Amino acid sequence: MSKQANIVLIGPMGAGKTTVGRQLAQQLRLSFVDSDQEIEKRTGVDISTIFEFEGEDGFRQREAAMMAELGAHEGIVLATGGGSVIRAENRACLQQAGFVVYLYTPVSVQLRRTARDRKRPLLQTENPKERLQALFSERDPLYREIADLVVDTSGEHLRGTVRQIIKGFKAQTAM
């Protein structure tokens, strides 16, 4: 498969992967797929319920299977879950799947964007800021390891973010 066939969005929760992904897909006339939404659709339950009954490891197994399946598609914009980069096999799959864009978002912005969201199992803790910081410290190097482009989404300018990604994607496909 051509690496240029897809755009893969990675980054932490609250980075805007779904919002940016939908807009990108619309502008590029590609299909949009959100891996977490696909998992929920196929299991019939939300991510929190999967975490509750199967734990994080059970969810990560489902996520790895979904990454392998979706990575084989062509002509999609794929929004991944924040932890999709934890497993080495997922990182390899995502790199092969397409043009990988890391939507970088500082912890302070993540905290603000996720403050009212009760559906994020990893934030069901007494100190969400501390949890987000720990996740950022662990995952930021992994996001950067596989990213073809890093875009800062803390500015809240959706159009500018989308333009920046399209410019990078077109430059990559021109090579």
C-alpha atoms as a PDB file:
ATOM      1  CA  MET A   1       0.000   0.000   0.000  1.00  0.00           C
ATOM      2  CA  SER A   2       1.152   3.517  -0.719  1.00  0.00           C
ATOM      3  CA  LYS A   3       2.154   5.400   2.415  1.00  0.00           C
ATOM      4  CA  GLN A   4       0.432   8.426   0.921  1.00  0.00           C
ATOM      5  CA  ALA A   5      -2.961   6.681   0.750  1.00  0.00           C
ATOM      6  CA  ASN A   6      -4.070   7.776   4.242  1.00  0.00           C
ATOM      7  CA  ILE A   7      -3.638  10.436   6.869  1.00  0.00           C
ATOM      8  CA  VAL A   8      -3.245   9.070  10.390  1.00  0.00           C
ATOM      9  CA  LEU A   9      -3.851  11.431  13.312  1.00  0.00           C
ATOM     10  CA  ILE A  10      -2.130  10.639  16.599  1.00  0.00           C
ATOM     11  CA  GLY A  11      -1.893  12.574  19.838  1.00  0.00           C
ATOM     12  CA  PRO A  12      -3.256  12.830  23.354  1.00  0.00           C
ATOM     13  CA  MET A  13      -6.873  13.045  24.412  1.00  0.00           C
ATOM     14  CA  GLY A  14      -8.182  16.534  23.852  1.00  0.00           C
ATOM     15  CA  ALA A  15      -5.857  17.190  20.895  1.00  0.00           C
ATOM     16  CA  GLY A  16      -8.767  17.401  18.451  1.00  0.00           C
ATOM     17  CA  LYS A  17      -8.088  14.260  16.416  1.00  0.00           C
ATOM     18  CA  THR A  18     -11.766  13.619  15.675  1.00  0.00           C
ATOM     19  CA  THR A  19     -12.642  17.243  14.949  1.00  0.00           C
ATOM     20  CA  VAL A  20      -9.589  17.815  12.759  1.00  0.00           C
ATOM     21  CA  GLY A  21     -10.015  14.410  11.119  1.00  0.00           C
ATOM     22  CA  ARG A  22     -13.594  15.060  10.040  1.00  0.00           C
ATOM     23  CA  GLN A  23     -12.641  18.413   8.527  1.00  0.00           C
ATOM     24  CA  LEU A  24      -9.590  16.945   6.761  1.00  0.00           C
ATOM     25  CA  ALA A  25     -11.617  14.091   5.309  1.00  0.00           C
ATOM     26  CA  GLN A  26     -14.263  16.474   4.050  1.00  0.00           C
ATOM     27  CA  GLN A  27     -11.749  18.799   2.388  1.00  0.00           C
ATOM     28  CA  LEU A  28      -9.728  15.974   0.826  1.00  0.00           C
ATOM     29  CA  ARG A  29     -12.814  13.927  -0.087  1.00  0.00           C
ATOM     30  CA  LEU A  30     -11.606  10.940   1.915  1.00  0.00           C
ATOM     31  CA  SER A  31     -13.509   8.719   4.334  1.00  0.00           C
ATOM     32  CA  PHE A  32     -13.159   9.494   8.040  1.00  0.00           C
ATOM     33  CA  VAL A  33     -12.667   6.716  10.594  1.00  0.00           C
ATOM     34  CA  ASP A  34     -12.223   7.095  14.354  1.00  0.00           C
ATOM     35  CA  SER A  35     -10.679   3.929  15.785  1.00  0.00           C
ATOM     36  CA  ASP A  36     -12.288   4.329  19.221  1.00  0.00           C
ATOM     37  CA  GLN A  37     -15.727   4.859  17.653  1.00  0.00           C
ATOM     38  CA  GLU A  38     -15.200   1.747  15.515  1.00  0.00           C
ATOM     39  CA  ILE A  39     -14.364  -0.289  18.616  1.00  0.00           C
ATOM     40  CA  GLU A  40     -17.489   1.025  20.360  1.00  0.00           C
ATOM     41  CA  LYS A  41     -19.655   0.310  17.315  1.00  0.00           C
ATOM     42  CA  ARG A  42     -18.425  -3.270  17.031  1.00  0.00           C
ATOM     43  CA  THR A  43     -18.587  -4.121  20.725  1.00  0.00           C
ATOM     44  CA  GLY A  44     -21.860  -2.288  21.356  1.00  0.00           C
ATOM     45  CA  VAL A  45     -20.435  -0.607  24.471  1.00  0.00           C
ATOM     46  CA  ASP A  46     -18.384   2.497  25.185  1.00  0.00           C
ATOM     47  CA  ILE A  47     -14.652   2.519  25.913  1.00  0.00           C
ATOM     48  CA  SER A  48     -15.288   3.069  29.640  1.00  0.00           C
ATOM     49  CA  THR A  49     -17.293  -0.161  29.799  1.00  0.00           C
ATOM     50  CA  ILE A  50     -14.541  -2.087  28.016  1.00  0.00           C
ATOM     51  CA  PHE A  51     -12.026  -0.716  30.545  1.00  0.00           C
ATOM     52  CA  GLU A  52     -14.364  -1.656  33.399  1.00  0.00           C
ATOM     53  CA  PHE A  53     -14.818  -5.279  32.320  1.00  0.00           C
ATOM     54  CA  GLU A  54     -11.590  -6.067  30.453  1.00  0.00           C
ATOM     55  CA  GLY A  55      -9.172  -3.560  31.958  1.00  0.00           C
ATOM     56  CA  GLU A  56      -6.757  -1.452  29.980  1.00  0.00           C
ATOM     57  CA  ASP A  57      -4.951  -4.517  28.634  1.00  0.00           C
ATOM     58  CA  GLY A  58      -8.185  -5.923  27.194  1.00  0.00           C
ATOM     59  CA  PHE A  59      -8.921  -2.624  25.528  1.00  0.00           C
ATOM     60  CA  ARG A  60      -5.361  -2.380  24.150  1.00  0.00           C
ATOM     61  CA  GLN A  61      -5.745  -5.840  22.590  1.00  0.00           C
ATOM     62  CA  ARG A  62      -8.929  -4.715  20.840  1.00  0.00           C
ATOM     63  CA  GLU A  63      -7.199  -1.501  19.795  1.00  0.00           C
ATOM     64  CA  ALA A  64      -4.238  -3.389  18.278  1.00  0.00           C
ATOM     65  CA  ALA A  65      -6.600  -5.555  16.209  1.00  0.00           C
ATOM     66  CA  MET A  66      -8.431  -2.436  15.040  1.00  0.00           C
ATOM     67  CA  MET A  67      -5.162  -0.675  14.099  1.00  0.00           C
ATOM     68  CA  ALA A  68      -4.122  -3.686  11.995  1.00  0.00           C
ATOM     69  CA  GLU A  69      -7.482  -3.751  10.239  1.00  0.00           C
ATOM     70  CA  LEU A  70      -7.821  -0.023   9.627  1.00  0.00           C
ATOM     71  CA  GLY A  71      -4.174   0.318   8.623  1.00  0.00           C
ATOM     72  CA  ALA A  72      -4.928  -1.902   5.634  1.00  0.00           C
ATOM     73  CA  HIS A  73      -7.558   0.519   4.288  1.00  0.00           C
ATOM     74  CA  GLU A  74      -6.801   3.131   1.653  1.00  0.00           C
ATOM     75  CA  GLY A  75      -8.192   6.613   1.199  1.00  0.00           C
ATOM     76  CA  ILE A  76      -9.044   7.352   4.820  1.00  0.00           C
ATOM     77  CA  VAL A  77      -8.316   9.893   7.488  1.00  0.00           C
ATOM     78  CA  LEU A  78      -7.828   7.835  10.657  1.00  0.00           C
ATOM     79  CA  ALA A  79      -8.195   9.358  14.110  1.00  0.00           C
ATOM     80  CA  THR A  80      -6.566   7.072  16.670  1.00  0.00           C
ATOM     81  CA  GLY A  81      -6.971   6.778  20.406  1.00  0.00           C
ATOM     82  CA  GLY A  82      -4.419   8.604  22.544  1.00  0.00           C
ATOM     83  CA  GLY A  83      -2.793   5.373  23.704  1.00  0.00           C
ATOM     84  CA  SER A  84      -2.627   3.720  20.301  1.00  0.00           C
ATOM     85  CA  VAL A  85       1.132   4.365  20.164  1.00  0.00           C
ATOM     86  CA  ILE A  86       1.936   2.427  23.337  1.00  0.00           C
ATOM     87  CA  ARG A  87       2.450  -0.885  21.551  1.00  0.00           C
ATOM     88  CA  ALA A  88       5.355  -1.151  19.111  1.00  0.00           C
ATOM     89  CA  GLU A  89       3.258  -3.165  16.652  1.00  0.00           C
ATOM     90  CA  ASN A  90       0.690  -0.353  16.537  1.00  0.00           C
ATOM     91  CA  ARG A  91       3.392   2.229  15.864  1.00  0.00           C
ATOM     92  CA  ALA A  92       4.741   0.139  12.998  1.00  0.00           C
ATOM     93  CA  CYS A  93       1.256  -0.374  11.601  1.00  0.00           C
ATOM     94  CA  LEU A  94       0.414   3.343  11.787  1.00  0.00           C
ATOM     95  CA  GLN A  95       3.678   4.321  10.091  1.00  0.00           C
ATOM     96  CA  GLN A  96       2.939   1.953   7.230  1.00  0.00           C
ATOM     97  CA  ALA A  97      -0.701   3.035   7.009  1.00  0.00           C
ATOM     98  CA  GLY A  98      -0.073   6.580   5.850  1.00  0.00           C
ATOM     99  CA  PHE A  99       1.095  10.096   6.533  1.00  0.00           C
ATOM    100  CA  VAL A 100       1.257  10.318  10.336  1.00  0.00           C
ATOM    101  CA  VAL A 101       0.397  13.646  11.953  1.00  0.00           C
ATOM    102  CA  TYR A 102       1.014  14.233  15.655  1.00  0.00           C
ATOM    103  CA  LEU A 103      -1.478  16.762  16.989  1.00  0.00           C
ATOM    104  CA  TYR A 104       0.638  18.159  19.801  1.00  0.00           C
ATOM    105  CA  THR A 105      -1.327  19.667  22.672  1.00  0.00           C
ATOM    106  CA  PRO A 106       0.121  20.858  26.002  1.00  0.00           C
ATOM    107  CA  VAL A 107      -1.245  19.320  29.197  1.00  0.00           C
ATOM    108  CA  SER A 108      -2.882  22.602  30.256  1.00  0.00           C
ATOM    109  CA  VAL A 109      -4.968  22.622  27.055  1.00  0.00           C
ATOM    110  CA  GLN A 110      -5.778  18.908  27.342  1.00  0.00           C
ATOM    111  CA  LEU A 111      -7.001  19.498  30.882  1.00  0.00           C
ATOM    112  CA  ARG A 112      -9.257  22.351  29.801  1.00  0.00           C
ATOM    113  CA  ARG A 113     -10.681  20.427  26.841  1.00  0.00           C
ATOM    114  CA  THR A 114     -11.385  17.242  28.810  1.00  0.00           C
ATOM    115  CA  ALA A 115     -12.527  18.817  32.094  1.00  0.00           C
ATOM    116  CA  ARG A 116     -16.220  17.965  31.658  1.00  0.00           C
ATOM    117  CA  ASP A 117     -15.762  14.663  29.822  1.00  0.00           C
ATOM    118  CA  ARG A 118     -16.724  11.739  32.065  1.00  0.00           C
ATOM    119  CA  LYS A 119     -16.220   9.116  29.333  1.00  0.00           C
ATOM    120  CA  ARG A 120     -12.425   9.019  29.521  1.00  0.00           C
ATOM    121  CA  PRO A 121     -11.503   6.116  31.795  1.00  0.00           C
ATOM    122  CA  LEU A 122      -7.885   7.180  32.286  1.00  0.00           C
ATOM    123  CA  LEU A 123      -9.039  10.515  33.729  1.00  0.00           C
ATOM    124  CA  GLN A 124     -11.316   9.011  36.368  1.00  0.00           C
ATOM    125  CA  THR A 125      -8.840   9.894  39.082  1.00  0.00           C
ATOM    126  CA  GLU A 126      -8.533  12.422  41.881  1.00  0.00           C
ATOM    127  CA  ASN A 127      -5.832  14.348  40.035  1.00  0.00           C
ATOM    128  CA  PRO A 128      -6.517  14.452  36.264  1.00  0.00           C
ATOM    129  CA  LYS A 129      -3.739  16.995  35.680  1.00  0.00           C
ATOM    130  CA  GLU A 130      -1.143  14.691  37.225  1.00  0.00           C
ATOM    131  CA  ARG A 131      -2.494  11.777  35.173  1.00  0.00           C
ATOM    132  CA  LEU A 132      -2.368  13.813  31.929  1.00  0.00           C
ATOM    133  CA  GLN A 133       1.206  14.877  32.705  1.00  0.00           C
ATOM    134  CA  ALA A 134       2.259  11.264  33.290  1.00  0.00           C
ATOM    135  CA  LEU A 135       0.600  10.161  30.035  1.00  0.00           C
ATOM    136  CA  PHE A 136       2.232  13.040  28.155  1.00  0.00           C
ATOM    137  CA  SER A 137       5.686  12.171  29.522  1.00  0.00           C
ATOM    138  CA  GLU A 138       5.258   8.548  28.470  1.00  0.00           C
ATOM    139  CA  ARG A 139       3.628   9.086  25.078  1.00  0.00           C
ATOM    140  CA  ASP A 140       5.082  12.311  23.633  1.00  0.00           C
ATOM    141  CA  PRO A 141       8.348  10.590  22.595  1.00  0.00           C
ATOM    142  CA  LEU A 142       6.340   7.766  20.987  1.00  0.00           C
ATOM    143  CA  TYR A 143       4.173  10.201  19.016  1.00  0.00           C
ATOM    144  CA  ARG A 144       7.283  12.030  17.809  1.00  0.00           C
ATOM    145  CA  GLU A 145       9.010   8.757  16.891  1.00  0.00           C
ATOM    146  CA  ILE A 146       6.461   7.955  14.171  1.00  0.00           C
ATOM    147  CA  ALA A 147       5.215  11.409  13.142  1.00  0.00           C
ATOM    148  CA  ASP A 148       5.807  12.690   9.629  1.00  0.00           C
ATOM    149  CA  LEU A 149       4.478  16.078  10.776  1.00  0.00           C
ATOM    150  CA  VAL A 150       3.913  17.682  14.185  1.00  0.00           C
ATOM    151  CA  VAL A 151       1.159  20.313  14.433  1.00  0.00           C
ATOM    152  CA  ASP A 152       0.473  22.321  17.593  1.00  0.00           C
ATOM    153  CA  THR A 153      -3.301  22.355  18.175  1.00  0.00           C
ATOM    154  CA  SER A 154      -3.280  24.531  21.277  1.00  0.00           C
ATOM    155  CA  GLY A 155      -4.153  27.629  19.232  1.00  0.00           C
ATOM    156  CA  GLU A 156      -7.719  26.433  18.617  1.00  0.00           C
ATOM    157  CA  HIS A 157      -7.649  27.415  14.926  1.00  0.00           C
ATOM    158  CA  LEU A 158      -9.210  24.446  13.145  1.00  0.00           C
ATOM    159  CA  ARG A 159      -8.871  25.870   9.639  1.00  0.00           C
ATOM    160  CA  GLY A 160      -5.197  26.698  10.129  1.00  0.00           C
ATOM    161  CA  THR A 161      -4.500  23.248  11.542  1.00  0.00           C
ATOM    162  CA  VAL A 162      -6.234  21.574   8.620  1.00  0.00           C
ATOM    163  CA  ARG A 163      -4.390  23.766   6.081  1.00  0.00           C
ATOM    164  CA  GLN A 164      -1.055  22.936   7.704  1.00  0.00           C
ATOM    165  CA  ILE A 165      -1.763  19.194   7.532  1.00  0.00           C
ATOM    166  CA  ILE A 166      -2.925  19.356   3.910  1.00  0.00           C
ATOM    167  CA  LYS A 167       0.215  21.287   2.962  1.00  0.00           C
ATOM    168  CA  GLY A 168       2.448  18.678   4.661  1.00  0.00           C
ATOM    169  CA  PHE A 169       0.466  15.804   3.155  1.00  0.00           C
ATOM    170  CA  LYS A 170       0.708  17.237  -0.357  1.00  0.00           C
ATOM    171  CA  ALA A 171       4.421  17.860   0.050  1.00  0.00           C
ATOM    172  CA  GLN A 172       4.890  14.229   1.133  1.00  0.00           C
ATOM    173  CA  THR A 173       2.834  12.845  -1.750  1.00  0.00           C
ATOM    174  CA  ALA A 174       4.800  14.985  -4.221  1.00  0.00           C
ATOM    175  CA  MET A 175       8.063  13.225  -3.257  1.00  0.00           C
END
